[in-house]
Amino acid sequence: MIFVTRAIVLNHLRYGDNSLVVNLYTECLGRQSVFVRNAYSKKSTERIALFQTLHLLETELHHRANRQMQRATNISICCPFQSIPFDPIKNCIALFIAEVLYKTLKEEEANHDLFNFLFHTIQALDLNEHGTANFHLVFLVHFSRYLGFYLKYDHLLPQLTGLSFDNLDSLHINHYQRNSITEYLLDCYSTHVSNFGKLKSFLVLQNVFQN
């Protein structure tokens, strides 16, 4: 069956000499793995660019329930990024969010509310102009609600009360506090999400914030 769907790129892995396996979170079918042939051929450099971290896509997904990897055609970027690829902090936060999603999104079924939240979160990161360094804190708290456990703000710092993507710059903390809050939130995720483990991208974030 063919589904026309929006999708979020979680990551991609090289497969063999010229192909890719792309992990997507789709609006119609939840998490799906897609096999892309000849992605590294000389004529296909543009195809690799489609599958960069957190890109927002539209595609036709040729889905078979008994197949581990699906086939996608007519793939295009539906909302081109304006700043994430060019802003070091936003790029690191995007990698962090993508790793969190890769470790937590397991269901192969539609969840429209969750997809819309993630889609708009990524758009908000791309368009954000102030307080970007706090973006992942708000994401982790709000995303926890969709995973079945809600990390209430009052368990953290009083300054976090009422924080949203629209007023990130109202939280005034230094990088030590920011890293400490992030560690606390990730510990909560590890408690509630099986096999969550450590995030490699958090080490990168720590270095970026310190500098």
N, C-alpha and C. Protein backbone atom coordinates (compact mmCIF):
# COMPACT_ATOMS: atom_id res chain seq x y z
N MET A 1 0.84 -1.19 0.00
CA MET A 1 0.00 0.00 0.00
C MET A 1 0.88 1.25 0.00
N ILE A 2 0.45 2.28 -0.74
CA ILE A 2 1.21 3.52 -0.83
C ILE A 2 0.57 4.58 0.05
N PHE A 3 1.39 5.18 0.92
CA PHE A 3 0.95 6.25 1.79
C PHE A 3 1.70 7.53 1.42
N VAL A 4 0.97 8.60 1.19
CA VAL A 4 1.59 9.91 1.01
C VAL A 4 1.67 10.54 2.40
N THR A 5 2.88 10.83 2.86
CA THR A 5 3.05 11.22 4.26
C THR A 5 4.18 12.22 4.44
N ARG A 6 4.06 13.02 5.48
CA ARG A 6 5.19 13.80 5.93
C ARG A 6 6.07 12.91 6.81
N ALA A 7 7.34 13.28 6.90
CA ALA A 7 8.27 12.45 7.66
C ALA A 7 9.40 13.30 8.22
N ILE A 8 9.95 12.86 9.33
CA ILE A 8 11.09 13.51 9.98
C ILE A 8 12.27 12.55 9.94
N VAL A 9 13.41 13.02 9.48
CA VAL A 9 14.60 12.17 9.41
C VAL A 9 15.23 12.06 10.79
N LEU A 10 15.34 10.83 11.30
CA LEU A 10 16.01 10.61 12.58
C LEU A 10 17.51 10.42 12.38
N ASN A 11 17.87 9.61 11.42
CA ASN A 11 19.29 9.45 11.05
C ASN A 11 19.37 8.64 9.77
N HIS A 12 20.58 8.53 9.24
CA HIS A 12 20.80 7.64 8.08
C HIS A 12 22.13 6.93 8.25
N LEU A 13 22.18 5.72 7.73
CA LEU A 13 23.36 4.88 7.81
C LEU A 13 23.72 4.38 6.42
N ARG A 14 25.00 4.39 6.13
CA ARG A 14 25.44 3.87 4.84
C ARG A 14 25.28 2.35 4.83
N TYR A 15 24.81 1.86 3.69
CA TYR A 15 24.59 0.42 3.54
C TYR A 15 25.30 -0.02 2.26
N GLY A 16 26.35 -0.82 2.41
CA GLY A 16 27.13 -1.22 1.25
C GLY A 16 27.90 -0.05 0.69
N ASP A 17 28.16 -0.09 -0.60
CA ASP A 17 28.97 0.97 -1.23
C ASP A 17 28.17 2.20 -1.60
N ASN A 18 26.91 2.02 -2.00
CA ASN A 18 26.18 3.15 -2.60
C ASN A 18 24.80 3.41 -2.01
N SER A 19 24.39 2.64 -1.02
CA SER A 19 23.00 2.76 -0.56
C SER A 19 22.93 3.30 0.87
N LEU A 20 21.70 3.64 1.28
CA LEU A 20 21.45 4.18 2.61
C LEU A 20 20.28 3.44 3.25
N VAL A 21 20.34 3.33 4.57
CA VAL A 21 19.17 2.99 5.37
C VAL A 21 18.81 4.25 6.16
N VAL A 22 17.61 4.74 5.96
CA VAL A 22 17.17 5.99 6.60
C VAL A 22 16.06 5.67 7.59
N ASN A 23 16.25 6.11 8.83
CA ASN A 23 15.22 5.96 9.85
C ASN A 23 14.36 7.22 9.87
N LEU A 24 13.07 7.03 9.65
CA LEU A 24 12.12 8.13 9.58
C LEU A 24 11.07 7.99 10.68
N TYR A 25 10.55 9.14 11.11
CA TYR A 25 9.32 9.13 11.90
C TYR A 25 8.25 9.76 11.02
N THR A 26 7.26 8.96 10.63
CA THR A 26 6.28 9.39 9.65
C THR A 26 4.95 9.74 10.30
N GLU A 27 4.21 10.60 9.61
CA GLU A 27 2.91 11.00 10.12
C GLU A 27 1.89 9.87 10.03
N CYS A 28 1.96 9.05 8.99
CA CYS A 28 0.95 8.02 8.75
C CYS A 28 1.25 6.69 9.41
N LEU A 29 2.54 6.38 9.59
CA LEU A 29 2.91 5.03 10.01
C LEU A 29 3.92 4.99 11.15
N GLY A 30 4.13 6.09 11.82
CA GLY A 30 5.08 6.09 12.92
C GLY A 30 6.50 5.87 12.42
N ARG A 31 7.30 5.17 13.20
CA ARG A 31 8.69 4.97 12.83
C ARG A 31 8.81 3.92 11.72
N GLN A 32 9.61 4.25 10.70
CA GLN A 32 9.83 3.36 9.58
C GLN A 32 11.28 3.46 9.11
N SER A 33 11.81 2.33 8.65
CA SER A 33 13.14 2.31 8.03
C SER A 33 12.97 2.22 6.52
N VAL A 34 13.72 3.05 5.80
CA VAL A 34 13.60 3.14 4.35
C VAL A 34 14.94 2.81 3.72
N PHE A 35 14.92 2.00 2.69
CA PHE A 35 16.13 1.64 1.96
C PHE A 35 16.23 2.51 0.71
N VAL A 36 17.36 3.20 0.57
CA VAL A 36 17.57 4.10 -0.57
C VAL A 36 18.73 3.56 -1.40
N ARG A 37 18.46 3.12 -2.60
CA ARG A 37 19.49 2.56 -3.47
C ARG A 37 20.29 3.66 -4.16
N ASN A 38 21.56 3.35 -4.41
CA ASN A 38 22.44 4.22 -5.22
C ASN A 38 22.47 5.66 -4.72
N ALA A 39 22.42 5.84 -3.41
CA ALA A 39 22.43 7.20 -2.85
C ALA A 39 23.77 7.88 -3.04
N TYR A 40 24.83 7.10 -3.19
CA TYR A 40 26.17 7.67 -3.29
C TYR A 40 26.72 7.66 -4.71
N SER A 41 25.87 7.42 -5.67
CA SER A 41 26.33 7.49 -7.04
C SER A 41 26.58 8.94 -7.43
N LYS A 42 27.33 9.16 -8.49
CA LYS A 42 27.69 10.52 -8.91
C LYS A 42 26.47 11.37 -9.26
N LYS A 43 25.41 10.72 -9.66
CA LYS A 43 24.21 11.45 -10.08
C LYS A 43 23.22 11.66 -8.94
N SER A 44 23.59 11.21 -7.74
CA SER A 44 22.60 11.20 -6.66
C SER A 44 23.02 12.01 -5.43
N THR A 45 23.92 12.96 -5.58
CA THR A 45 24.38 13.74 -4.42
C THR A 45 23.24 14.50 -3.77
N GLU A 46 22.27 14.93 -4.56
CA GLU A 46 21.14 15.65 -4.00
C GLU A 46 20.28 14.75 -3.12
N ARG A 47 20.26 13.47 -3.39
CA ARG A 47 19.45 12.56 -2.59
C ARG A 47 20.01 12.44 -1.18
N ILE A 48 21.33 12.41 -1.05
CA ILE A 48 21.93 12.35 0.29
C ILE A 48 21.54 13.57 1.10
N ALA A 49 21.53 14.72 0.47
CA ALA A 49 21.18 15.96 1.17
C ALA A 49 19.76 15.92 1.73
N LEU A 50 18.88 15.15 1.11
CA LEU A 50 17.51 15.04 1.61
C LEU A 50 17.44 14.44 3.01
N PHE A 51 18.40 13.59 3.34
CA PHE A 51 18.29 12.77 4.54
C PHE A 51 19.17 13.25 5.68
N GLN A 52 19.45 14.54 5.73
CA GLN A 52 20.20 15.09 6.84
C GLN A 52 19.31 15.14 8.08
N THR A 53 19.95 15.23 9.23
CA THR A 53 19.26 15.12 10.52
C THR A 53 18.10 16.10 10.66
N LEU A 54 16.93 15.55 11.01
CA LEU A 54 15.69 16.28 11.29
C LEU A 54 15.08 16.98 10.08
N HIS A 55 15.57 16.70 8.88
CA HIS A 55 14.91 17.27 7.71
C HIS A 55 13.44 16.87 7.69
N LEU A 56 12.61 17.81 7.26
CA LEU A 56 11.17 17.61 7.20
C LEU A 56 10.80 17.29 5.76
N LEU A 57 10.31 16.08 5.55
CA LEU A 57 10.11 15.57 4.19
C LEU A 57 8.65 15.32 3.88
N GLU A 58 8.38 15.21 2.59
CA GLU A 58 7.15 14.63 2.07
C GLU A 58 7.55 13.49 1.15
N THR A 59 6.83 12.37 1.24
CA THR A 59 7.22 11.22 0.44
C THR A 59 6.04 10.29 0.21
N GLU A 60 6.19 9.44 -0.78
CA GLU A 60 5.27 8.33 -0.98
C GLU A 60 5.94 7.08 -0.41
N LEU A 61 5.35 6.52 0.61
CA LEU A 61 5.93 5.36 1.28
C LEU A 61 5.22 4.10 0.79
N HIS A 62 5.98 3.20 0.16
CA HIS A 62 5.44 1.92 -0.33
C HIS A 62 5.61 0.91 0.80
N HIS A 63 4.52 0.69 1.52
CA HIS A 63 4.61 -0.04 2.79
C HIS A 63 4.06 -1.46 2.66
N ARG A 64 4.86 -2.40 3.16
CA ARG A 64 4.41 -3.79 3.30
C ARG A 64 4.65 -4.21 4.75
N ALA A 65 3.62 -4.73 5.37
CA ALA A 65 3.68 -5.04 6.79
C ALA A 65 4.75 -6.07 7.13
N ASN A 66 5.05 -6.97 6.22
CA ASN A 66 6.01 -8.04 6.50
C ASN A 66 7.43 -7.69 6.07
N ARG A 67 7.66 -6.44 5.69
CA ARG A 67 8.98 -6.05 5.22
C ARG A 67 9.67 -5.15 6.25
N GLN A 68 10.92 -5.48 6.56
CA GLN A 68 11.65 -4.75 7.58
C GLN A 68 12.01 -3.34 7.12
N MET A 69 12.40 -3.20 5.87
CA MET A 69 12.71 -1.89 5.31
C MET A 69 11.76 -1.58 4.17
N GLN A 70 11.25 -0.36 4.16
CA GLN A 70 10.27 0.05 3.18
C GLN A 70 10.94 0.80 2.03
N ARG A 71 10.16 1.11 1.01
CA ARG A 71 10.65 1.86 -0.14
C ARG A 71 9.92 3.19 -0.20
N ALA A 72 10.67 4.26 -0.47
CA ALA A 72 10.09 5.59 -0.55
C ALA A 72 10.38 6.19 -1.93
N THR A 73 9.41 6.87 -2.50
CA THR A 73 9.58 7.53 -3.79
C THR A 73 9.06 8.96 -3.70
N ASN A 74 9.40 9.75 -4.72
CA ASN A 74 8.93 11.14 -4.78
C ASN A 74 9.22 11.88 -3.47
N ILE A 75 10.46 11.78 -3.02
CA ILE A 75 10.86 12.40 -1.75
C ILE A 75 11.24 13.85 -2.00
N SER A 76 10.75 14.73 -1.15
CA SER A 76 11.10 16.15 -1.25
C SER A 76 11.11 16.78 0.14
N ILE A 77 11.82 17.88 0.27
CA ILE A 77 11.82 18.63 1.52
C ILE A 77 10.61 19.56 1.52
N CYS A 78 9.79 19.45 2.55
CA CYS A 78 8.57 20.26 2.56
C CYS A 78 8.77 21.60 3.25
N CYS A 79 9.74 21.69 4.16
CA CYS A 79 10.02 22.94 4.85
C CYS A 79 11.54 23.12 4.94
N PRO A 80 12.15 23.75 3.96
CA PRO A 80 13.61 23.90 3.97
C PRO A 80 14.09 24.69 5.18
N PHE A 81 15.20 24.25 5.77
CA PHE A 81 15.77 24.94 6.91
C PHE A 81 16.38 26.27 6.50
N GLN A 82 16.21 27.25 7.38
CA GLN A 82 16.79 28.57 7.16
C GLN A 82 18.08 28.78 7.95
N SER A 83 18.21 28.10 9.10
CA SER A 83 19.34 28.40 9.98
C SER A 83 20.02 27.18 10.60
N ILE A 84 19.32 26.09 10.80
CA ILE A 84 19.90 24.94 11.53
C ILE A 84 21.23 24.48 10.93
N PRO A 85 21.35 24.34 9.61
CA PRO A 85 22.62 23.85 9.06
C PRO A 85 23.78 24.83 9.22
N PHE A 86 23.46 26.09 9.49
CA PHE A 86 24.49 27.13 9.49
C PHE A 86 24.82 27.68 10.87
N ASP A 87 24.02 27.31 11.87
CA ASP A 87 24.21 27.78 13.24
C ASP A 87 24.76 26.64 14.07
N PRO A 88 25.99 26.75 14.61
CA PRO A 88 26.61 25.63 15.34
C PRO A 88 25.79 25.16 16.53
N ILE A 89 25.21 26.09 17.29
CA ILE A 89 24.43 25.70 18.46
C ILE A 89 23.15 24.99 18.03
N LYS A 90 22.44 25.56 17.05
CA LYS A 90 21.21 24.92 16.58
C LYS A 90 21.50 23.54 15.99
N ASN A 91 22.61 23.44 15.27
CA ASN A 91 22.97 22.16 14.66
C ASN A 91 23.23 21.10 15.73
N CYS A 92 23.91 21.48 16.80
CA CYS A 92 24.17 20.54 17.90
C CYS A 92 22.89 20.16 18.62
N ILE A 93 21.99 21.13 18.81
CA ILE A 93 20.71 20.83 19.45
C ILE A 93 19.88 19.91 18.57
N ALA A 94 19.93 20.12 17.25
CA ALA A 94 19.21 19.24 16.32
C ALA A 94 19.72 17.81 16.43
N LEU A 95 21.04 17.63 16.50
CA LEU A 95 21.61 16.29 16.66
C LEU A 95 21.18 15.67 17.98
N PHE A 96 21.14 16.48 19.03
CA PHE A 96 20.70 16.01 20.35
C PHE A 96 19.25 15.56 20.29
N ILE A 97 18.36 16.38 19.73
CA ILE A 97 16.95 16.02 19.63
C ILE A 97 16.77 14.76 18.79
N ALA A 98 17.51 14.67 17.69
CA ALA A 98 17.40 13.49 16.83
C ALA A 98 17.81 12.22 17.56
N GLU A 99 18.85 12.30 18.39
CA GLU A 99 19.28 11.12 19.13
C GLU A 99 18.24 10.72 20.18
N VAL A 100 17.64 11.72 20.83
CA VAL A 100 16.56 11.43 21.78
C VAL A 100 15.40 10.74 21.07
N LEU A 101 15.02 11.24 19.91
CA LEU A 101 13.91 10.65 19.17
C LEU A 101 14.25 9.23 18.71
N TYR A 102 15.48 9.04 18.26
CA TYR A 102 15.89 7.71 17.79
C TYR A 102 15.80 6.68 18.91
N LYS A 103 16.09 7.11 20.14
CA LYS A 103 16.08 6.19 21.27
C LYS A 103 14.70 5.98 21.88
N THR A 104 13.77 6.85 21.57
CA THR A 104 12.47 6.79 22.23
C THR A 104 11.31 6.41 21.30
N LEU A 105 11.38 6.77 20.03
CA LEU A 105 10.27 6.49 19.12
C LEU A 105 10.40 5.08 18.56
N LYS A 106 9.53 4.20 18.98
CA LYS A 106 9.62 2.79 18.57
C LYS A 106 8.37 2.30 17.83
N GLU A 107 7.24 2.96 18.06
CA GLU A 107 5.97 2.46 17.55
C GLU A 107 5.84 2.66 16.04
N GLU A 108 5.42 1.62 15.34
CA GLU A 108 5.17 1.69 13.91
C GLU A 108 3.66 1.88 13.68
N GLU A 109 3.16 2.97 14.20
CA GLU A 109 1.75 3.32 14.00
C GLU A 109 1.60 4.83 14.12
N ALA A 110 0.54 5.35 13.55
CA ALA A 110 0.36 6.80 13.51
C ALA A 110 0.06 7.37 14.90
N ASN A 111 0.67 8.51 15.17
CA ASN A 111 0.34 9.30 16.35
C ASN A 111 0.40 10.76 15.89
N HIS A 112 -0.74 11.26 15.42
CA HIS A 112 -0.75 12.56 14.75
C HIS A 112 -0.40 13.70 15.70
N ASP A 113 -0.86 13.61 16.95
CA ASP A 113 -0.55 14.68 17.90
C ASP A 113 0.95 14.75 18.16
N LEU A 114 1.57 13.60 18.34
CA LEU A 114 3.01 13.56 18.57
C LEU A 114 3.76 14.04 17.34
N PHE A 115 3.36 13.59 16.16
CA PHE A 115 4.05 14.02 14.96
C PHE A 115 3.97 15.54 14.79
N ASN A 116 2.78 16.10 15.00
CA ASN A 116 2.63 17.55 14.84
C ASN A 116 3.47 18.30 15.87
N PHE A 117 3.54 17.80 17.09
CA PHE A 117 4.40 18.42 18.10
C PHE A 117 5.85 18.44 17.64
N LEU A 118 6.34 17.30 17.16
CA LEU A 118 7.73 17.21 16.73
C LEU A 118 7.98 18.08 15.50
N PHE A 119 7.06 18.07 14.56
CA PHE A 119 7.21 18.86 13.34
C PHE A 119 7.33 20.35 13.69
N HIS A 120 6.44 20.83 14.56
CA HIS A 120 6.46 22.24 14.93
C HIS A 120 7.63 22.57 15.83
N THR A 121 8.09 21.60 16.63
CA THR A 121 9.28 21.81 17.45
C THR A 121 10.49 22.08 16.57
N ILE A 122 10.66 21.28 15.54
CA ILE A 122 11.81 21.44 14.64
C ILE A 122 11.72 22.77 13.90
N GLN A 123 10.52 23.13 13.46
CA GLN A 123 10.35 24.43 12.83
C GLN A 123 10.69 25.57 13.79
N ALA A 124 10.27 25.42 15.06
CA ALA A 124 10.56 26.45 16.06
C ALA A 124 12.05 26.60 16.29
N LEU A 125 12.78 25.49 16.30
CA LEU A 125 14.23 25.56 16.46
C LEU A 125 14.85 26.31 15.29
N ASP A 126 14.39 26.02 14.10
CA ASP A 126 14.96 26.66 12.91
C ASP A 126 14.70 28.16 12.90
N LEU A 127 13.55 28.59 13.41
CA LEU A 127 13.16 29.99 13.35
C LEU A 127 13.55 30.78 14.59
N ASN A 128 13.97 30.08 15.64
CA ASN A 128 14.28 30.75 16.90
C ASN A 128 15.42 31.75 16.75
N GLU A 129 15.27 32.89 17.44
CA GLU A 129 16.30 33.93 17.37
C GLU A 129 16.92 34.25 18.72
N HIS A 130 16.25 33.89 19.83
CA HIS A 130 16.74 34.26 21.15
C HIS A 130 16.61 33.09 22.12
N GLY A 131 17.61 32.90 22.95
CA GLY A 131 17.55 31.86 23.98
C GLY A 131 17.70 30.45 23.46
N THR A 132 18.34 30.29 22.31
CA THR A 132 18.44 28.96 21.69
C THR A 132 19.09 27.93 22.59
N ALA A 133 20.04 28.35 23.42
CA ALA A 133 20.76 27.41 24.28
C ALA A 133 19.84 26.69 25.26
N ASN A 134 18.65 27.25 25.50
CA ASN A 134 17.70 26.62 26.41
C ASN A 134 16.67 25.75 25.69
N PHE A 135 16.76 25.69 24.38
CA PHE A 135 15.71 25.04 23.59
C PHE A 135 15.52 23.58 23.98
N HIS A 136 16.61 22.84 24.13
CA HIS A 136 16.50 21.40 24.40
C HIS A 136 15.88 21.11 25.76
N LEU A 137 15.99 22.05 26.71
CA LEU A 137 15.37 21.86 28.02
C LEU A 137 13.86 21.83 27.90
N VAL A 138 13.31 22.80 27.16
CA VAL A 138 11.86 22.85 26.96
C VAL A 138 11.40 21.63 26.16
N PHE A 139 12.18 21.26 25.15
CA PHE A 139 11.82 20.08 24.36
C PHE A 139 11.72 18.84 25.24
N LEU A 140 12.72 18.58 26.07
CA LEU A 140 12.72 17.37 26.89
C LEU A 140 11.52 17.32 27.83
N VAL A 141 11.17 18.47 28.40
CA VAL A 141 10.04 18.50 29.32
C VAL A 141 8.73 18.24 28.58
N HIS A 142 8.48 18.94 27.48
CA HIS A 142 7.22 18.77 26.76
C HIS A 142 7.13 17.40 26.09
N PHE A 143 8.23 16.90 25.57
CA PHE A 143 8.22 15.60 24.90
C PHE A 143 7.89 14.48 25.87
N SER A 144 8.30 14.63 27.13
CA SER A 144 8.04 13.58 28.11
C SER A 144 6.55 13.30 28.27
N ARG A 145 5.72 14.32 28.06
CA ARG A 145 4.28 14.12 28.18
C ARG A 145 3.77 13.12 27.15
N TYR A 146 4.33 13.16 25.94
CA TYR A 146 3.91 12.25 24.88
C TYR A 146 4.42 10.83 25.10
N LEU A 147 5.44 10.69 25.94
CA LEU A 147 5.99 9.37 26.23
C LEU A 147 5.32 8.72 27.43
N GLY A 148 4.39 9.41 28.05
CA GLY A 148 3.63 8.81 29.15
C GLY A 148 4.10 9.21 30.53
N PHE A 149 5.10 10.06 30.62
CA PHE A 149 5.52 10.58 31.93
C PHE A 149 5.80 12.07 31.73
N TYR A 150 5.29 12.89 32.64
CA TYR A 150 5.43 14.33 32.44
C TYR A 150 6.36 14.90 33.49
N LEU A 151 7.46 15.48 33.05
CA LEU A 151 8.42 16.09 33.96
C LEU A 151 7.96 17.50 34.28
N LYS A 152 7.37 17.67 35.44
CA LYS A 152 6.82 18.97 35.80
C LYS A 152 7.93 19.97 36.08
N TYR A 153 7.66 21.19 35.70
CA TYR A 153 8.66 22.24 35.87
C TYR A 153 9.03 22.46 37.33
N ASP A 154 8.08 22.32 38.24
CA ASP A 154 8.37 22.65 39.63
C ASP A 154 9.33 21.65 40.27
N HIS A 155 9.67 20.57 39.57
CA HIS A 155 10.68 19.64 40.07
C HIS A 155 12.08 20.13 39.74
N LEU A 156 12.18 21.17 38.94
CA LEU A 156 13.47 21.70 38.52
C LEU A 156 13.70 23.06 39.16
N LEU A 157 14.05 24.04 38.37
CA LEU A 157 14.25 25.39 38.87
C LEU A 157 12.97 26.20 38.75
N PRO A 158 12.72 27.12 39.70
CA PRO A 158 11.52 27.96 39.60
C PRO A 158 11.47 28.75 38.30
N GLN A 159 12.64 29.09 37.74
CA GLN A 159 12.67 29.89 36.51
C GLN A 159 12.09 29.14 35.31
N LEU A 160 11.98 27.81 35.42
CA LEU A 160 11.47 27.03 34.30
C LEU A 160 9.95 27.07 34.18
N THR A 161 9.28 27.56 35.23
CA THR A 161 7.82 27.60 35.22
C THR A 161 7.33 28.47 34.07
N GLY A 162 6.48 27.91 33.25
CA GLY A 162 5.89 28.66 32.15
C GLY A 162 6.79 28.86 30.94
N LEU A 163 7.97 28.23 30.94
CA LEU A 163 8.88 28.40 29.81
C LEU A 163 8.35 27.66 28.59
N SER A 164 8.43 28.31 27.43
CA SER A 164 8.01 27.70 26.17
C SER A 164 9.01 28.07 25.10
N PHE A 165 8.78 27.59 23.89
CA PHE A 165 9.67 27.93 22.79
C PHE A 165 9.60 29.41 22.43
N ASP A 166 8.57 30.10 22.90
CA ASP A 166 8.40 31.51 22.57
C ASP A 166 9.11 32.45 23.53
N ASN A 167 9.52 31.96 24.70
CA ASN A 167 10.16 32.86 25.67
C ASN A 167 11.42 32.23 26.29
N LEU A 168 12.19 31.58 25.45
CA LEU A 168 13.39 30.88 25.92
C LEU A 168 14.39 31.82 26.56
N ASP A 169 14.44 33.05 26.08
CA ASP A 169 15.44 33.98 26.60
C ASP A 169 15.09 34.53 27.98
N SER A 170 13.92 34.15 28.52
CA SER A 170 13.57 34.60 29.87
C SER A 170 14.24 33.75 30.95
N LEU A 171 14.84 32.64 30.56
CA LEU A 171 15.56 31.79 31.51
C LEU A 171 17.03 32.18 31.51
N HIS A 172 17.49 32.70 32.63
CA HIS A 172 18.86 33.19 32.74
C HIS A 172 19.68 32.22 33.60
N ILE A 173 20.41 31.34 32.95
CA ILE A 173 21.25 30.37 33.64
C ILE A 173 22.58 30.29 32.91
N ASN A 174 23.61 29.86 33.65
CA ASN A 174 24.91 29.69 33.01
C ASN A 174 25.04 28.27 32.49
N HIS A 175 26.16 27.99 31.83
CA HIS A 175 26.30 26.67 31.18
C HIS A 175 26.42 25.55 32.19
N TYR A 176 26.91 25.82 33.40
CA TYR A 176 26.97 24.78 34.42
C TYR A 176 25.56 24.37 34.85
N GLN A 177 24.72 25.37 35.08
CA GLN A 177 23.33 25.08 35.45
C GLN A 177 22.60 24.37 34.33
N ARG A 178 22.83 24.84 33.10
CA ARG A 178 22.16 24.24 31.94
C ARG A 178 22.54 22.77 31.79
N ASN A 179 23.82 22.46 31.93
CA ASN A 179 24.27 21.07 31.83
C ASN A 179 23.72 20.23 32.96
N SER A 180 23.64 20.82 34.17
CA SER A 180 23.11 20.08 35.32
C SER A 180 21.63 19.75 35.12
N ILE A 181 20.86 20.71 34.62
CA ILE A 181 19.44 20.47 34.36
C ILE A 181 19.28 19.41 33.27
N THR A 182 20.10 19.50 32.23
CA THR A 182 20.03 18.51 31.16
C THR A 182 20.33 17.11 31.68
N GLU A 183 21.34 16.98 32.53
CA GLU A 183 21.68 15.68 33.11
C GLU A 183 20.52 15.13 33.93
N TYR A 184 19.88 16.01 34.69
CA TYR A 184 18.73 15.58 35.49
C TYR A 184 17.60 15.07 34.59
N LEU A 185 17.29 15.82 33.54
CA LEU A 185 16.22 15.42 32.63
C LEU A 185 16.55 14.10 31.93
N LEU A 186 17.80 13.93 31.52
CA LEU A 186 18.20 12.69 30.85
C LEU A 186 18.15 11.51 31.82
N ASP A 187 18.47 11.74 33.08
CA ASP A 187 18.35 10.68 34.08
C ASP A 187 16.89 10.25 34.22
N CYS A 188 15.97 11.22 34.16
CA CYS A 188 14.54 10.90 34.21
C CYS A 188 14.13 10.07 33.00
N TYR A 189 14.62 10.44 31.85
CA TYR A 189 14.34 9.66 30.64
C TYR A 189 14.88 8.24 30.78
N SER A 190 16.07 8.10 31.32
CA SER A 190 16.66 6.76 31.49
C SER A 190 15.82 5.91 32.42
N THR A 191 15.19 6.55 33.40
CA THR A 191 14.34 5.83 34.35
C THR A 191 13.07 5.32 33.69
N HIS A 192 12.53 6.11 32.77
CA HIS A 192 11.22 5.79 32.19
C HIS A 192 11.28 5.12 30.82
N VAL A 193 12.40 5.24 30.12
CA VAL A 193 12.51 4.67 28.77
C VAL A 193 13.54 3.55 28.78
N SER A 194 13.11 2.35 28.43
CA SER A 194 14.03 1.21 28.46
C SER A 194 15.13 1.37 27.42
N ASN A 195 16.33 0.99 27.82
CA ASN A 195 17.52 1.03 26.95
C ASN A 195 17.82 2.43 26.42
N PHE A 196 17.49 3.44 27.20
CA PHE A 196 17.75 4.81 26.75
C PHE A 196 19.26 5.10 26.74
N GLY A 197 19.94 4.72 27.80
CA GLY A 197 21.39 4.84 27.83
C GLY A 197 21.90 6.27 27.80
N LYS A 198 23.17 6.41 27.45
CA LYS A 198 23.82 7.71 27.39
C LYS A 198 23.72 8.29 25.98
N LEU A 199 23.68 9.61 25.91
CA LEU A 199 23.61 10.29 24.61
C LEU A 199 24.99 10.84 24.25
N LYS A 200 25.49 10.42 23.11
CA LYS A 200 26.78 10.93 22.63
C LYS A 200 26.68 12.42 22.32
N SER A 201 25.53 12.86 21.84
CA SER A 201 25.37 14.25 21.44
C SER A 201 25.39 15.20 22.63
N PHE A 202 25.10 14.70 23.83
CA PHE A 202 25.12 15.57 25.00
C PHE A 202 26.54 16.04 25.30
N LEU A 203 27.51 15.20 25.05
CA LEU A 203 28.91 15.60 25.26
C LEU A 203 29.27 16.75 24.33
N VAL A 204 28.77 16.70 23.12
CA VAL A 204 29.02 17.78 22.17
C VAL A 204 28.35 19.07 22.65
N LEU A 205 27.11 18.94 23.12
CA LEU A 205 26.40 20.11 23.63
C LEU A 205 27.14 20.75 24.80
N GLN A 206 27.64 19.92 25.70
CA GLN A 206 28.37 20.44 26.85
C GLN A 206 29.56 21.28 26.42
N ASN A 207 30.29 20.80 25.42
CA ASN A 207 31.45 21.55 24.94
C ASN A 207 31.04 22.84 24.26
N VAL A 208 29.95 22.79 23.49
CA VAL A 208 29.50 24.00 22.79
C VAL A 208 29.07 25.06 23.79
N PHE A 209 28.30 24.66 24.81
CA PHE A 209 27.83 25.64 25.80
C PHE A 209 29.00 26.22 26.60
N GLN A 210 29.98 25.39 26.87
CA GLN A 210 31.13 25.85 27.66
C GLN A 210 31.93 26.91 26.90
N ASN A 211 31.93 26.77 25.57
CA ASN A 211 32.69 27.71 24.75
C ASN A 211 31.85 28.94 24.40
